[in-house]
N, C-alpha and C. Protein backbone atom coordinates (compact mmCIF):
# COMPACT_ATOMS: atom_id res chain seq x y z
N MET A 1 -11.02 49.08 11.49
CA MET A 1 -11.17 49.39 10.00
C MET A 1 -9.90 48.85 9.24
N ALA A 2 -9.80 47.41 8.81
CA ALA A 2 -8.79 46.80 8.06
C ALA A 2 -8.26 47.76 6.75
N GLY A 3 -6.91 47.93 6.70
CA GLY A 3 -6.67 48.27 4.85
C GLY A 3 -6.32 49.79 5.14
N GLN A 4 -6.55 50.63 6.26
CA GLN A 4 -6.35 51.86 6.22
C GLN A 4 -4.92 52.35 5.95
N ILE A 5 -4.16 51.37 6.30
CA ILE A 5 -2.57 51.70 5.96
C ILE A 5 -2.41 51.79 4.44
N LYS A 6 -2.90 50.55 3.86
CA LYS A 6 -2.66 50.49 2.45
C LYS A 6 -3.08 51.66 1.63
N ARG A 7 -4.40 52.00 1.95
CA ARG A 7 -4.88 53.21 1.39
C ARG A 7 -4.11 54.25 1.47
N MET A 8 -3.75 54.86 2.88
CA MET A 8 -2.71 55.91 3.02
C MET A 8 -1.83 55.57 2.16
N ILE A 9 -0.97 54.56 2.26
CA ILE A 9 0.29 54.45 1.18
C ILE A 9 0.17 54.75 -0.37
N GLU A 10 -1.08 54.44 -0.76
CA GLU A 10 -1.59 54.38 -2.26
C GLU A 10 -1.86 55.99 -2.48
N ILE A 11 -2.48 56.63 -1.64
CA ILE A 11 -2.69 57.74 -1.57
C ILE A 11 -1.48 58.96 -1.61
N ILE A 12 -0.66 58.56 -1.00
CA ILE A 12 0.82 59.14 -0.67
C ILE A 12 1.54 59.09 -1.94
N ILE A 13 1.53 57.87 -2.45
CA ILE A 13 2.19 57.57 -3.93
C ILE A 13 1.57 58.11 -5.04
N GLN A 14 -0.05 58.21 -5.14
CA GLN A 14 -0.59 58.92 -6.05
C GLN A 14 -0.14 60.49 -6.26
N GLU A 15 -0.43 60.94 -4.78
CA GLU A 15 -0.10 62.46 -5.05
C GLU A 15 1.18 62.92 -5.06
N ARG A 16 2.16 62.20 -4.68
CA ARG A 16 3.43 62.65 -5.08
C ARG A 16 3.98 62.36 -6.81
N ALA A 17 3.44 61.19 -7.26
CA ALA A 17 4.02 60.79 -8.28
C ALA A 17 3.37 61.63 -9.44
N LYS A 18 1.70 61.55 -9.25
CA LYS A 18 0.78 62.43 -10.16
C LYS A 18 0.84 61.48 -11.73
N GLY A 19 1.01 60.15 -11.63
CA GLY A 19 1.08 59.40 -12.86
C GLY A 19 2.59 59.04 -13.47
N ASN A 20 3.55 59.57 -12.75
CA ASN A 20 4.99 59.48 -13.36
C ASN A 20 5.38 57.80 -12.66
N PRO A 21 5.58 56.98 -13.59
CA PRO A 21 5.93 55.71 -12.64
C PRO A 21 7.39 55.91 -12.21
N LEU A 22 8.21 56.82 -12.54
CA LEU A 22 9.63 56.82 -12.22
C LEU A 22 9.49 57.38 -10.75
N ILE A 23 8.44 58.31 -10.49
CA ILE A 23 8.25 58.95 -9.06
C ILE A 23 7.64 58.01 -8.17
N GLU A 24 6.68 57.06 -8.87
CA GLU A 24 6.20 56.37 -8.11
C GLU A 24 7.17 55.27 -7.39
N ARG A 25 8.15 54.72 -8.24
CA ARG A 25 9.04 53.69 -7.76
C ARG A 25 9.80 54.39 -6.80
N THR A 26 10.40 55.80 -7.11
CA THR A 26 11.28 56.21 -6.37
C THR A 26 10.62 56.60 -4.82
N THR A 27 9.28 56.91 -4.74
CA THR A 27 8.69 57.33 -3.38
C THR A 27 8.59 55.83 -2.99
N ARG A 28 8.23 54.65 -3.40
CA ARG A 28 8.01 53.16 -2.80
C ARG A 28 9.50 52.93 -2.24
N THR A 29 10.62 53.37 -2.73
CA THR A 29 11.99 53.14 -2.43
C THR A 29 12.13 53.92 -1.19
N LYS A 30 11.72 55.13 -1.18
CA LYS A 30 11.96 56.23 -0.19
C LYS A 30 11.23 55.58 1.41
N MET A 31 10.19 55.06 0.98
CA MET A 31 9.18 54.72 2.11
C MET A 31 10.18 53.37 2.61
N LEU A 32 10.36 52.85 1.80
CA LEU A 32 11.31 51.38 2.43
C LEU A 32 12.56 51.58 3.08
N LEU A 33 13.12 53.10 2.94
CA LEU A 33 14.38 53.33 3.22
C LEU A 33 13.92 54.02 4.62
N LYS A 34 12.66 54.67 4.71
CA LYS A 34 12.11 55.15 5.81
C LYS A 34 11.34 54.25 6.85
N GLY A 35 11.50 52.77 6.59
CA GLY A 35 10.66 51.79 7.29
C GLY A 35 9.65 51.17 7.27
N ILE A 36 8.99 51.99 5.83
CA ILE A 36 7.50 51.36 5.72
C ILE A 36 7.76 50.52 4.54
N ASN A 37 7.35 49.40 4.47
CA ASN A 37 7.33 48.27 3.00
C ASN A 37 6.17 48.35 2.43
N PRO A 38 5.89 49.12 1.37
CA PRO A 38 4.56 49.05 0.84
C PRO A 38 4.19 48.14 0.46
N ASN A 39 4.85 46.91 0.06
CA ASN A 39 4.52 45.95 -0.29
C ASN A 39 3.76 44.69 0.72
N LYS A 40 4.26 45.11 2.06
CA LYS A 40 3.76 44.31 3.31
C LYS A 40 2.07 44.39 3.35
N TYR A 41 1.94 45.36 2.94
CA TYR A 41 0.37 45.74 3.48
C TYR A 41 -0.60 45.56 2.35
N ASN A 42 -1.78 45.13 2.71
CA ASN A 42 -2.83 44.84 1.75
C ASN A 42 -4.06 45.22 2.35
N GLU A 43 -5.29 45.08 1.77
CA GLU A 43 -6.85 45.62 2.06
C GLU A 43 -6.98 44.73 3.61
N LEU A 44 -6.28 43.88 3.74
CA LEU A 44 -6.90 43.00 5.30
C LEU A 44 -5.67 43.32 6.04
N SER A 45 -4.47 43.92 5.90
CA SER A 45 -3.90 44.28 6.85
C SER A 45 -4.30 45.12 8.23
N PRO A 46 -4.28 44.78 9.60
CA PRO A 46 -4.45 45.59 10.59
C PRO A 46 -4.23 46.63 10.59
N ASP A 47 -4.78 47.59 11.22
CA ASP A 47 -4.54 49.11 11.16
C ASP A 47 -3.52 49.30 12.47
N ASP A 48 -2.32 49.38 12.25
CA ASP A 48 -1.54 49.84 13.77
C ASP A 48 -1.33 51.38 13.49
N PRO A 49 -2.01 52.00 14.87
CA PRO A 49 -1.49 53.08 15.06
C PRO A 49 -0.18 53.91 14.84
N GLN A 50 0.50 53.11 15.32
CA GLN A 50 2.27 53.40 15.12
C GLN A 50 2.30 53.93 13.72
N ILE A 51 2.04 52.87 12.80
CA ILE A 51 2.45 52.92 11.41
C ILE A 51 1.73 53.84 10.68
N ILE A 52 0.19 54.17 11.29
CA ILE A 52 -0.45 55.37 10.63
C ILE A 52 0.19 56.65 11.08
N GLU A 53 0.83 56.85 12.16
CA GLU A 53 1.38 57.91 12.46
C GLU A 53 2.62 58.17 11.87
N HIS A 54 3.44 57.35 11.64
CA HIS A 54 4.45 57.14 10.80
C HIS A 54 4.36 57.56 9.36
N LEU A 55 3.19 57.05 8.50
CA LEU A 55 2.93 57.44 7.58
C LEU A 55 2.43 59.04 7.26
N LYS A 56 1.91 59.45 8.22
CA LYS A 56 1.39 60.94 8.36
C LYS A 56 2.88 61.61 8.35
N ARG A 57 3.37 61.33 9.42
CA ARG A 57 4.92 62.18 9.11
C ARG A 57 5.51 62.14 7.90
N LEU A 58 5.53 60.90 7.54
CA LEU A 58 6.42 60.62 6.01
C LEU A 58 5.81 61.55 5.09
N ALA A 59 4.51 61.41 4.99
CA ALA A 59 3.69 62.30 3.93
C ALA A 59 4.12 63.81 3.78
N LEU A 60 4.37 64.27 5.00
CA LEU A 60 4.49 65.57 5.52
C LEU A 60 5.79 65.78 5.03
N GLU A 61 6.90 65.17 5.31
CA GLU A 61 7.97 65.23 5.16
C GLU A 61 8.26 64.93 3.62
N MET A 62 7.61 64.35 2.68
CA MET A 62 7.74 64.22 1.34
C MET A 62 7.04 65.56 0.77
N GLY A 63 6.96 66.24 1.40
CA GLY A 63 6.44 67.62 0.60
C GLY A 63 4.69 67.59 0.24
N GLY A 64 4.22 66.84 1.08
CA GLY A 64 2.81 66.73 0.81
C GLY A 64 1.90 66.98 1.87
N ARG A 65 0.93 66.48 2.09
CA ARG A 65 -0.24 66.35 3.24
C ARG A 65 -0.24 65.32 3.98
N ALA A 66 -0.83 65.21 5.09
CA ALA A 66 -0.85 63.95 5.53
C ALA A 66 -2.37 63.31 5.07
N PRO A 67 -2.56 62.20 4.59
CA PRO A 67 -3.68 61.66 4.04
C PRO A 67 -5.06 61.92 5.29
N LEU A 68 -5.62 62.14 5.00
CA LEU A 68 -7.17 62.20 5.87
C LEU A 68 -7.94 60.78 5.91
N MET A 69 -7.93 60.09 7.18
CA MET A 69 -8.33 58.74 7.21
C MET A 69 -9.36 58.93 8.43
């Protein structure tokens, strides 16, 4: 199912930012610093299980919950 990584990234950003553009940008920056480039993935990107696990850990680390996919 292609695009799962992109959806997870968007869910993490939406849950953390809650509509605040500044928090959205800082969340994207934090993802970059943690090794995930949000701009690299789109709806056609293949789903890499390692990246999905990394995103789940990152979401928990950021104080949220792991997106269910």
